[in-house]
Protein backbone atom coordinates (compact mmCIF):
# COMPACT_ATOMS: atom_id res chain seq x y z
CA MET A 1 -97.54 119.19 62.61
CA LYS A 2 -96.23 122.62 61.46
CA LYS A 3 -92.68 121.48 62.07
CA LEU A 4 -93.26 118.35 60.00
CA LEU A 5 -94.81 120.31 57.12
CA SER A 6 -91.91 122.74 57.08
CA LEU A 7 -89.38 119.92 56.99
CA LEU A 8 -91.27 118.24 54.15
CA LEU A 9 -91.25 121.51 52.23
CA VAL A 10 -87.50 121.85 52.66
CA LEU A 11 -86.95 118.30 51.47
CA LEU A 12 -89.05 119.01 48.38
CA LEU A 13 -87.18 122.23 47.66
CA ALA A 14 -83.73 120.78 48.23
CA PRO A 15 -82.54 118.41 45.50
CA ALA A 16 -80.77 115.28 46.64
CA ILE A 17 -77.08 116.05 47.13
CA PRO A 18 -74.60 113.19 47.46
CA GLY A 19 -72.38 113.11 50.50
CA MET A 20 -74.50 112.95 53.64
CA ALA A 21 -75.98 109.49 53.08
CA GLU A 22 -72.57 107.95 52.40
CA ALA A 23 -70.76 109.69 55.25
CA ASP A 24 -69.65 107.65 58.25
CA LEU A 25 -70.86 109.63 61.26
CA SER A 26 -70.47 106.87 63.83
CA GLU A 27 -67.44 108.28 65.64
CA PRO A 28 -67.96 111.51 67.64
CA VAL A 29 -65.79 114.42 66.51
CA GLU A 30 -64.90 117.78 68.03
CA LEU A 31 -64.59 120.71 65.62
CA THR A 32 -63.56 124.30 66.26
CA MET A 33 -64.60 126.87 63.71
CA PHE A 34 -63.71 130.56 63.50
CA SER A 35 -66.24 132.61 61.57
CA SER A 36 -67.01 136.20 60.68
CA GLY A 37 -70.29 137.08 62.34
CA TRP A 38 -73.33 139.34 62.06
CA VAL A 39 -74.11 139.75 65.76
CA ASN A 40 -70.79 138.78 67.38
CA THR A 41 -72.03 138.19 70.93
CA PRO A 42 -71.67 135.07 73.14
CA PHE A 43 -74.03 132.17 72.59
CA PRO A 44 -76.49 131.26 75.35
CA GLU A 45 -75.91 128.24 77.57
CA GLU A 46 -79.07 126.66 76.15
CA ASP A 47 -78.03 126.52 72.51
CA PRO A 48 -80.46 124.57 70.31
CA PHE A 49 -78.31 125.06 67.22
CA LYS A 50 -75.30 123.40 68.84
CA ILE A 51 -77.56 120.50 69.79
CA TYR A 52 -78.75 120.23 66.18
CA VAL A 53 -75.17 119.96 64.91
CA LYS A 54 -74.46 117.27 67.50
CA ASP A 55 -77.55 115.26 66.62
CA THR A 56 -77.13 115.62 62.84
CA PHE A 57 -73.37 115.28 62.35
CA ASN A 58 -72.21 113.72 65.65
CA VAL A 59 -70.04 116.81 66.00
CA ASP A 60 -69.35 118.77 69.16
CA LEU A 61 -68.99 122.16 67.48
CA THR A 62 -67.23 125.11 69.05
CA LEU A 63 -68.25 128.10 66.94
CA VAL A 64 -66.08 131.14 67.62
CA VAL A 65 -67.71 134.18 66.01
CA VAL A 66 -65.48 137.21 65.54
CA PRO A 67 -66.01 140.70 64.07
CA ASP A 68 -64.03 141.09 60.85
CA GLY A 69 -61.72 143.67 62.38
CA ASP A 70 -60.72 141.34 65.22
CA MET A 71 -60.22 138.16 63.23
CA SER A 72 -56.51 138.54 62.56
CA GLN A 73 -55.63 139.05 66.23
CA LYS A 74 -57.94 136.21 67.30
CA VAL A 75 -56.43 133.73 64.87
CA PHE A 76 -52.79 134.57 65.55
CA THR A 77 -53.36 134.44 69.30
CA ALA A 78 -54.88 130.97 69.00
CA VAL A 79 -52.10 129.72 66.73
CA ALA A 80 -49.40 131.11 69.04
CA ALA A 81 -50.97 129.23 71.93
CA GLY A 82 -51.10 125.99 69.93
CA ASP A 83 -54.91 126.08 69.81
CA ASP A 84 -55.34 126.09 66.05
CA PRO A 85 -58.99 125.91 65.01
CA ASP A 86 -59.95 123.36 62.38
CA PHE A 87 -61.68 125.67 59.96
CA ILE A 88 -62.20 129.37 59.23
CA TYR A 89 -64.73 131.39 57.29
CA TYR A 90 -63.55 134.93 56.62
CA ARG A 91 -64.74 137.60 54.20
CA TYR A 92 -61.30 138.76 53.07
CA LYS A 93 -58.50 136.74 51.49
CA GLU A 94 -55.46 138.68 52.74
CA LEU A 95 -55.39 137.02 56.17
CA LEU A 96 -55.84 133.57 54.64
CA LEU A 97 -52.98 134.12 52.21
CA GLN A 98 -50.75 135.18 55.08
CA LEU A 99 -51.68 132.11 57.14
CA SER A 100 -51.16 129.87 54.13
CA GLU A 101 -47.67 131.29 53.49
CA GLN A 102 -46.80 130.55 57.12
CA GLY A 103 -47.90 126.93 56.78
CA VAL A 104 -50.82 127.35 59.20
CA LEU A 105 -53.52 126.75 56.59
CA VAL A 106 -53.64 124.10 53.90
CA ASP A 107 -51.86 125.66 50.93
CA ASP A 108 -53.93 123.83 48.28
CA HIS A 109 -57.57 122.91 48.95
CA THR A 110 -58.11 121.28 45.54
CA GLU A 111 -58.34 117.69 46.81
CA PHE A 112 -60.82 118.73 49.50
CA TYR A 113 -62.87 120.85 47.12
CA GLU A 114 -63.24 117.83 44.84
CA LYS A 115 -64.87 115.91 47.70
CA MET A 116 -67.53 118.61 48.23
CA PRO A 117 -70.29 118.25 45.60
CA THR A 118 -72.45 121.12 46.85
CA VAL A 119 -69.58 123.61 46.91
CA GLN A 120 -68.51 122.44 43.46
CA GLY A 121 -72.07 122.88 42.24
CA PHE A 122 -72.27 126.60 42.98
CA THR A 123 -68.65 127.49 42.12
CA THR A 124 -68.42 129.47 38.88
CA ASP A 125 -65.27 129.87 36.82
CA LEU A 126 -64.75 133.34 38.31
CA MET A 127 -65.19 132.01 41.85
CA ARG A 128 -62.67 129.28 41.15
CA ALA A 129 -60.23 131.83 39.75
CA ALA A 130 -60.72 134.08 42.78
CA THR A 131 -59.57 131.30 45.11
CA THR A 132 -56.72 130.00 42.96
CA ILE A 133 -53.19 131.34 42.65
CA ASP A 134 -50.59 129.60 40.49
CA GLY A 135 -52.87 126.58 40.16
CA LYS A 136 -53.43 126.13 43.90
CA MET A 137 -56.69 126.77 45.74
CA PHE A 138 -55.62 128.76 48.79
CA ALA A 139 -59.25 128.57 49.98
CA MET A 140 -62.69 127.47 48.86
CA PRO A 141 -65.29 130.04 47.79
CA ARG A 142 -68.43 130.94 49.67
CA ARG A 143 -71.60 132.08 47.92
CA ALA A 144 -72.33 135.79 47.95
CA GLU A 145 -74.66 136.87 50.75
CA SER A 146 -76.53 139.34 48.56
CA ALA A 147 -78.19 138.81 45.21
CA ASP A 148 -77.92 141.11 42.19
CA THR A 149 -81.18 142.94 42.82
CA PHE A 150 -79.94 146.54 42.82
CA SER A 151 -80.93 148.70 39.85
CA PHE A 152 -82.43 152.04 38.92
CA GLN A 153 -86.01 152.41 40.13
CA ILE A 154 -88.56 154.95 38.97
CA ARG A 155 -91.86 156.29 40.29
CA GLN A 156 -94.38 154.53 38.08
CA ASP A 157 -97.14 156.87 39.22
CA TYR A 158 -95.08 159.90 38.10
CA LEU A 159 -94.54 158.33 34.69
CA ASP A 160 -98.25 157.61 34.37
CA ASN A 161 -99.26 161.10 35.49
CA LEU A 162 -97.07 162.68 32.81
CA GLY A 163 -97.68 160.11 30.08
CA LEU A 164 -94.02 159.07 30.00
CA ALA A 165 -92.40 155.70 29.24
CA VAL A 166 -89.61 154.01 31.17
CA PRO A 167 -86.34 155.46 29.81
CA THR A 168 -84.04 153.20 27.80
CA THR A 169 -81.28 155.65 26.86
CA ALA A 170 -79.29 158.32 28.68
CA ASP A 171 -81.10 161.04 26.72
CA GLU A 172 -84.49 159.63 27.64
CA LEU A 173 -83.47 159.43 31.29
CA MET A 174 -82.38 163.09 31.21
CA GLU A 175 -85.77 164.06 29.77
CA VAL A 176 -87.48 162.14 32.58
CA PHE A 177 -85.37 164.08 35.07
CA ARG A 178 -86.55 167.33 33.47
CA GLN A 179 -90.20 166.32 33.47
CA PHE A 180 -90.09 165.13 37.07
CA THR A 181 -88.45 168.40 38.12
CA TYR A 182 -90.45 170.97 36.19
CA ASN A 183 -93.80 169.40 35.30
CA ASP A 184 -95.39 168.62 38.71
CA PRO A 185 -95.39 164.79 38.47
CA ASP A 186 -97.23 164.34 41.79
CA GLY A 187 -99.98 166.76 40.70
CA ASN A 188 -100.01 168.74 43.94
CA GLY A 189 -99.55 172.11 42.21
CA LYS A 190 -96.25 172.74 43.99
CA ASP A 191 -92.68 173.00 42.73
CA ASP A 192 -91.40 170.41 45.18
CA THR A 193 -89.99 167.51 43.15
CA TYR A 194 -86.71 166.66 41.42
CA GLY A 195 -85.70 163.99 38.98
CA ILE A 196 -83.13 162.61 41.37
CA GLY A 197 -81.42 163.25 44.70
CA ALA A 198 -78.28 162.16 46.53
CA HIS A 199 -76.79 162.25 50.01
CA GLY A 200 -73.16 163.28 49.70
CA ASN A 201 -72.80 164.15 53.40
CA ASN A 202 -70.28 166.85 52.35
CA ASN A 203 -67.72 164.30 51.18
CA GLY A 204 -68.84 162.67 47.94
CA LEU A 205 -71.19 162.20 45.02
CA SER A 206 -73.08 159.39 46.71
CA GLY A 207 -75.66 157.84 44.38
CA LEU A 208 -74.59 159.98 41.43
CA TRP A 209 -71.72 157.55 40.93
CA ASN A 210 -74.33 155.06 39.71
CA MET A 211 -74.68 157.10 36.53
CA ARG A 212 -71.40 155.48 35.46
CA PHE A 213 -73.36 152.35 34.57
CA LEU A 214 -74.93 154.16 31.61
CA PHE A 215 -71.56 154.58 29.95
CA GLY A 216 -69.34 151.59 30.70
CA PRO A 217 -67.88 149.12 33.19
CA THR A 218 -66.71 150.41 36.56
CA GLY A 219 -63.58 149.72 38.57
CA PHE A 220 -61.21 147.14 37.11
CA TYR A 221 -62.57 144.95 34.34
CA VAL A 222 -61.24 142.60 31.68
CA GLU A 223 -61.90 143.41 28.02
CA ASP A 224 -60.39 141.54 25.07
CA GLY A 225 -57.88 139.85 27.36
CA GLU A 226 -56.68 143.15 28.80
CA LEU A 227 -57.18 144.57 32.28
CA LYS A 228 -58.68 148.06 32.20
CA GLN A 229 -59.68 150.65 34.79
CA GLU A 230 -62.56 153.02 34.16
CA ARG A 231 -60.67 156.15 35.22
CA ASN A 232 -58.35 155.67 32.25
CA GLU A 233 -61.17 155.32 29.72
CA GLN A 234 -63.37 157.63 27.63
CA HIS A 235 -66.59 156.46 29.23
CA TYR A 236 -65.43 157.93 32.56
CA GLU A 237 -65.39 161.38 30.95
CA ASP A 238 -68.80 160.67 29.39
CA PHE A 239 -70.15 159.94 32.86
CA LEU A 240 -68.72 163.14 34.33
CA ASN A 241 -70.21 165.24 31.53
CA TYR A 242 -73.60 163.63 32.00
CA VAL A 243 -73.68 164.36 35.72
CA ARG A 244 -72.46 167.91 35.05
CA GLN A 245 -75.50 168.32 32.80
CA ILE A 246 -77.75 167.03 35.60
CA VAL A 247 -76.37 169.70 37.91
CA GLU A 248 -76.41 172.49 35.29
CA GLU A 249 -80.06 171.81 34.41
CA LYS A 250 -80.94 171.71 38.12
CA VAL A 251 -82.84 168.45 37.85
CA ILE A 252 -81.22 167.22 41.06
CA ASP A 253 -81.97 168.39 44.58
CA PRO A 254 -79.55 171.33 45.13
CA ASP A 255 -78.71 169.90 48.57
CA PHE A 256 -77.42 166.66 47.02
CA TYR A 257 -73.84 167.19 48.23
CA SER A 258 -74.55 168.24 51.82
CA MET A 259 -77.57 166.03 52.56
CA ASN A 260 -77.15 163.05 54.90
CA GLY A 261 -78.74 159.66 54.48
CA THR A 262 -81.53 160.15 57.02
CA THR A 263 -82.69 163.42 55.46
CA TYR A 264 -82.47 161.90 51.99
CA ASP A 265 -84.61 158.91 52.97
CA ALA A 266 -87.28 161.19 54.44
CA ALA A 267 -87.37 163.25 51.23
CA LEU A 268 -87.46 160.13 49.07
CA TYR A 269 -90.36 158.59 50.98
CA ASN A 270 -92.25 161.89 50.86
CA GLY A 271 -92.16 161.87 47.06
CA ARG A 272 -89.43 164.45 46.43
CA TYR A 273 -87.47 162.29 43.94
CA GLY A 274 -88.67 160.28 40.96
CA VAL A 275 -85.62 158.10 40.27
CA GLN A 276 -83.25 156.26 42.59
CA TYR A 277 -80.83 153.33 42.63
CA ASP A 278 -81.61 150.63 45.17
CA ALA A 279 -82.98 147.14 45.77
CA PRO A 280 -86.73 146.37 45.56
CA LEU A 281 -86.89 146.34 49.36
CA THR A 282 -87.28 150.11 49.00
CA ALA A 283 -91.01 149.41 48.74
CA LYS A 284 -90.96 147.87 52.22
CA TRP A 285 -88.94 150.71 53.74
CA MET A 286 -91.25 153.27 52.15
CA GLU A 287 -94.33 151.50 53.48
CA ASN A 288 -92.80 151.33 56.96
CA ALA A 289 -92.04 155.06 56.81
CA THR A 290 -95.57 156.00 55.70
CA GLY A 291 -97.68 153.98 58.12
CA ASN A 292 -97.91 150.65 56.26
CA THR A 293 -101.14 151.67 54.56
CA GLY A 294 -100.42 149.74 51.36
CA ALA A 295 -100.63 152.93 49.31
CA TYR A 296 -97.01 152.75 48.15
CA ILE A 297 -96.57 149.06 47.40
CA ASN A 298 -96.65 149.55 43.62
CA VAL A 299 -95.04 152.99 43.45
CA TRP A 300 -91.51 151.97 42.47
CA THR A 301 -90.65 149.88 39.45
CA ASN A 302 -87.15 148.76 38.53
CA PHE A 303 -85.87 148.82 34.97
CA PRO A 304 -82.83 147.85 32.86
CA CYS A 305 -79.92 150.28 32.83
CA PRO A 306 -80.35 152.99 30.17
CA LYS A 307 -77.63 153.08 27.53
CA GLY A 308 -75.48 156.17 27.18
CA ALA A 309 -72.56 154.74 25.21
CA GLU A 310 -71.73 151.59 23.29
CA THR A 311 -69.82 150.25 26.32
CA GLY A 312 -72.60 151.07 28.80
CA GLY A 313 -76.15 150.17 29.66
CA ARG A 314 -75.35 147.40 32.16
CA TYR A 315 -75.39 147.19 35.94
CA PRO A 316 -72.41 145.84 37.89
CA LEU A 317 -72.33 142.22 38.93
CA ILE A 318 -71.68 141.98 42.65
CA SER A 319 -68.73 139.88 43.67
CA GLN A 320 -69.68 136.24 43.30
CA VAL A 321 -67.40 135.37 46.21
CA GLY A 322 -68.99 136.18 49.56
CA GLY A 323 -65.96 135.04 51.52
CA TYR A 324 -63.55 132.17 51.85
CA TYR A 325 -63.47 128.76 53.56
CA ALA A 326 -60.07 127.45 54.63
CA ILE A 327 -58.89 124.41 56.58
CA PHE A 328 -56.08 124.55 59.11
CA GLU A 329 -53.18 122.21 58.47
CA ALA A 330 -53.52 120.66 61.93
CA ALA A 331 -57.03 119.39 61.08
CA THR A 332 -55.63 117.21 58.28
CA GLU A 333 -53.66 115.07 60.73
CA ASP A 334 -56.82 113.25 61.85
CA PRO A 335 -58.53 111.54 58.86
CA VAL A 336 -61.83 111.06 60.72
CA LYS A 337 -61.96 114.71 61.77
CA LEU A 338 -61.04 115.91 58.28
CA ASP A 339 -63.70 113.74 56.62
CA ARG A 340 -66.35 114.99 59.05
CA LEU A 341 -65.28 118.58 58.55
CA LEU A 342 -65.68 118.29 54.78
CA THR A 343 -69.10 116.69 55.20
CA PHE A 344 -70.17 119.40 57.62
CA ILE A 345 -69.06 122.28 55.39
CA ASP A 346 -70.61 120.82 52.26
CA GLN A 347 -73.93 119.68 53.76
CA CYS A 348 -74.54 123.04 55.47
CA GLN A 349 -74.63 124.80 52.10
CA TYR A 350 -77.84 125.89 50.40
CA PRO A 351 -80.06 124.09 49.41
CA ASN A 352 -79.31 121.09 51.67
CA GLU A 353 -81.49 120.39 54.70
CA PRO A 354 -78.85 121.45 57.30
CA TYR A 355 -78.70 124.85 55.57
CA TRP A 356 -82.36 125.50 56.36
CA ALA A 357 -81.78 124.46 59.96
CA LEU A 358 -78.72 126.60 60.69
CA ARG A 359 -79.81 129.58 58.59
CA TRP A 360 -83.52 129.69 59.47
CA GLY A 361 -84.09 127.25 62.34
CA VAL A 362 -86.22 124.77 60.38
CA GLY A 363 -86.32 121.53 62.34
CA ILE A 364 -84.77 123.20 65.37
CA TYR A 365 -87.81 125.00 66.75
CA ASP A 366 -91.48 124.50 65.98
CA THR A 367 -92.43 127.93 64.66
CA ALA A 368 -89.73 128.01 61.98
CA ILE A 369 -92.14 127.48 59.10
CA LEU A 370 -91.31 128.10 55.46
CA THR A 371 -94.32 128.93 53.30
CA PRO A 372 -94.23 129.07 49.49
CA PHE A 373 -95.66 132.22 47.96
CA ALA A 374 -95.60 134.39 44.83
CA ASP A 375 -96.11 131.42 42.52
CA ASN A 376 -93.37 129.60 44.43
CA ALA A 377 -90.93 132.32 43.38
CA GLY A 378 -89.85 132.81 46.97
CA LEU A 379 -90.24 131.65 50.55
CA PHE A 380 -91.77 133.44 53.46
CA PHE A 381 -90.49 133.04 57.01
CA PRO A 382 -92.88 134.10 59.78
CA GLN A 383 -91.56 134.95 63.23
CA GLY A 384 -92.81 133.11 66.27
CA ASP A 385 -91.10 132.04 69.46
CA ASP A 386 -87.77 132.32 67.66
CA PRO A 387 -85.03 131.69 70.24
CA ARG A 388 -82.89 134.17 68.32
CA ALA A 389 -85.26 136.92 69.42
CA MET A 390 -84.04 136.27 72.96
CA ALA A 391 -80.44 135.52 72.01
CA GLY A 392 -79.58 137.38 68.83
CA SER A 393 -76.18 135.71 68.71
CA LEU A 394 -77.84 132.53 67.43
CA TRP A 395 -78.27 134.26 64.06
CA ASP A 396 -74.51 133.82 63.61
CA TYR A 397 -74.95 130.11 62.96
CA GLY A 398 -76.23 131.20 59.57
CA CYS A 399 -73.67 133.91 58.84
CA TRP A 400 -71.07 131.65 57.25
CA ILE A 401 -73.58 130.08 54.84
CA GLY A 402 -76.44 132.60 54.45
CA THR A 403 -77.33 133.65 50.92
CA GLU A 404 -80.22 135.52 49.35
CA GLU A 405 -80.34 132.75 46.75
CA ASP A 406 -82.62 130.94 49.19
CA GLN A 407 -85.24 133.64 48.47
CA VAL A 408 -86.50 133.75 52.04
CA LYS A 409 -88.29 136.91 53.14
CA TYR A 410 -88.23 137.41 56.90
CA SER A 411 -91.42 139.08 58.08
CA PRO A 412 -93.41 139.52 61.31
CA GLY A 413 -96.65 138.24 59.81
CA THR A 414 -98.04 134.74 59.52
CA GLU A 415 -98.88 134.87 55.82
CA PRO A 416 -97.17 136.60 52.87
CA THR A 417 -98.54 140.05 52.17
CA ASP A 418 -99.00 141.87 48.87
CA LEU A 419 -95.82 143.76 49.74
CA ASP A 420 -93.84 140.52 50.18
CA ILE A 421 -95.07 139.27 46.82
CA PHE A 422 -94.28 142.60 45.13
CA VAL A 423 -90.70 142.62 46.46
CA VAL A 424 -90.00 139.06 45.32
CA GLU A 425 -91.40 139.71 41.85
CA LYS A 426 -89.26 142.84 41.45
CA GLU A 427 -86.17 141.00 42.71
CA HIS A 428 -86.68 138.31 40.10
CA LYS A 429 -87.04 141.01 37.47
CA ALA A 430 -83.74 142.59 38.57
CA LEU A 431 -81.93 139.27 38.34
CA GLY A 432 -82.60 139.31 34.60
CA PHE A 433 -80.96 142.69 33.91
CA ASP A 434 -77.70 142.78 31.93
CA ARG A 435 -74.63 143.11 34.13
CA PHE A 436 -70.88 143.40 33.70
CA SER A 437 -68.23 141.80 35.86
CA ASP A 438 -66.09 144.07 38.05
CA VAL A 439 -62.91 142.24 39.12
CA THR A 440 -61.85 144.92 41.62
CA PRO A 441 -62.77 142.71 44.63
CA LEU A 442 -60.18 140.18 43.43
CA ILE A 443 -57.35 142.72 43.72
CA THR A 444 -55.30 143.29 46.87
CA TYR A 445 -53.40 146.55 47.28
CA ASP A 446 -52.35 148.99 49.98
CA VAL A 447 -55.64 150.04 51.57
CA GLY A 448 -54.40 153.50 52.46
CA LYS A 449 -53.22 154.22 48.92
CA VAL A 450 -56.48 153.02 47.40
CA GLU A 451 -58.41 155.22 49.80
CA ASN A 452 -56.28 158.21 48.77
CA PHE A 453 -56.98 157.50 45.09
CA ASN A 454 -60.69 157.41 45.87
CA LEU A 455 -60.59 160.64 47.89
CA VAL A 456 -58.88 162.46 45.01
CA ALA A 457 -61.48 161.01 42.61
CA GLU A 458 -64.33 162.25 44.82
CA GLU A 459 -62.81 165.73 45.07
CA PHE A 460 -62.18 166.02 41.33
CA ALA A 461 -65.61 164.66 40.36
CA TYR A 462 -67.41 167.22 42.52
CA GLN A 463 -65.33 170.06 41.12
CA TYR A 464 -65.94 168.81 37.57
CA ILE A 465 -69.72 168.39 37.79
CA THR A 466 -70.11 171.79 39.46
CA GLY A 467 -68.11 173.51 36.70
CA GLN A 468 -65.04 174.35 38.79
CA THR A 469 -62.69 172.41 36.50
CA SER A 470 -62.59 170.48 33.23
CA ASP A 471 -59.00 169.30 33.57
CA LEU A 472 -59.41 165.54 33.33
CA ALA A 473 -55.81 165.18 32.11
CA GLY A 474 -54.62 166.98 35.22
CA PHE A 475 -56.65 164.62 37.40
CA ARG A 476 -55.08 161.59 35.76
CA ALA A 477 -51.62 163.12 36.09
CA ARG A 478 -52.24 163.64 39.79
CA LEU A 479 -53.17 159.97 40.18
CA ASP A 480 -49.96 159.00 38.36
CA ASP A 481 -47.94 161.16 40.78
CA MET A 482 -49.58 159.25 43.65
CA GLY A 483 -48.51 155.85 42.25
CA TRP A 484 -51.48 154.99 40.03
CA GLN A 485 -49.39 153.10 37.47
CA ASP A 486 -47.93 150.89 40.19
CA TYR A 487 -51.50 150.11 41.28
CA MET A 488 -52.42 149.26 37.68
CA GLU A 489 -49.43 146.97 37.23
CA SER A 490 -50.01 145.21 40.55
CA ALA A 491 -53.65 144.66 39.60
CA ARG A 492 -52.65 143.31 36.18
CA GLN A 493 -50.23 140.82 37.71
CA GLN A 494 -52.82 139.61 40.20
CA ILE A 495 -55.56 139.16 37.61
CA GLU A 496 -53.09 137.41 35.31
CA ALA A 497 -52.12 135.06 38.17
CA LEU A 498 -55.80 134.20 38.58
CA GLY A 499 -55.88 133.15 34.94
CA LEU A 500 -58.35 135.82 33.84
CA LEU A 501 -56.24 137.46 31.12
CA GLY A 502 -55.48 136.25 27.63
């Protein structure tokens, strides 16, 4: 009965998508798929997910799950042996472009994309641009795994104790930092709190980089038809001066540069800091770290980005492209196989019924029950005799399609808790915050050179905020000596080729 109810719920939640009903599934088909994975271990001999694919699509699926770092070698080895897979999901485009140039992958997926209504339905203009070069779709886009739920969060109890309001400007945020540092916000009579902390681990600014959002877009971005990079702009200097003020006024934990993540988390959960940048799941981690008493469910509240300059006051928009789907040229030689492959890819996308099966096990095992909660704002998934608990590799059936857009919260209980409801409500709040689009993920460049640029930026930023230098012009000149202008021009050409300029 539970299994039936869960399936009915999925059918109600999933709008009717054309494709599956019209597909001819009468002839059995064998498909081989290479995919980036989460767990990356062999599947068990008793594989209920493979059986589901067989029963639903009449497909004998061979799913080869590979860690990102091993994908290139795995693919080229298979191709060299004449064992081309039919389909690949990979998080990074460089390998796919290389395979396409060699004639291994389909060089233009446009005609296949147009036969996939679900994929078309979630593809934005930016996603289309990210998969298109010179008018050809070298791959099809995958939804992002994560949702845009990261933002600044503040201790609501500290605000209430001091009679303060949620800050809306950079100046107001600085005053909150001061009050949280010097005015005993937790009321324990001790000088043991700071406005903010960080965990630089002796090599970076860590969360202090998030202060950039107050002043302007980060990374590469398009403005008035022109590609810009924050390090060339005035708002980058505004950011550095603001963080220097944070350090000078000592409203940040003095150990911010040397502290590691574990020590930082312990301090955060013990009330040392009043402001942080994270996702609403912080409430769950804090509860777990403090005995799950329920005392800290409503401690953190997220809020829109304070504005420090005309160009700022927005959070970054995570990359809309969570990876790429590409079809191998060899798979197009068999029309029946190709048609089934397109049906399989499209129907396994959220919110179609096969998505819920492969991502969460609904319809595959009896205890996979989805329960509406929080005014139907999200879904709750209780654990039971989940076969993935015994064979974690089975989670990888959902890796190539999983997205937080499904709003499922995975929890060990049998009913949604107040904490589950709180997290979902705060996530929905975060989804409404203003955000800017960072096109950096669409740019390919020498990884080593980019890393060197970033290392120099980390070194200079630390020296600047600690008062060791104010020579921003010298920093920019150093980047130019390292080939910065070549990086800028390469980025401009790539973004122009994607049709995002002018």
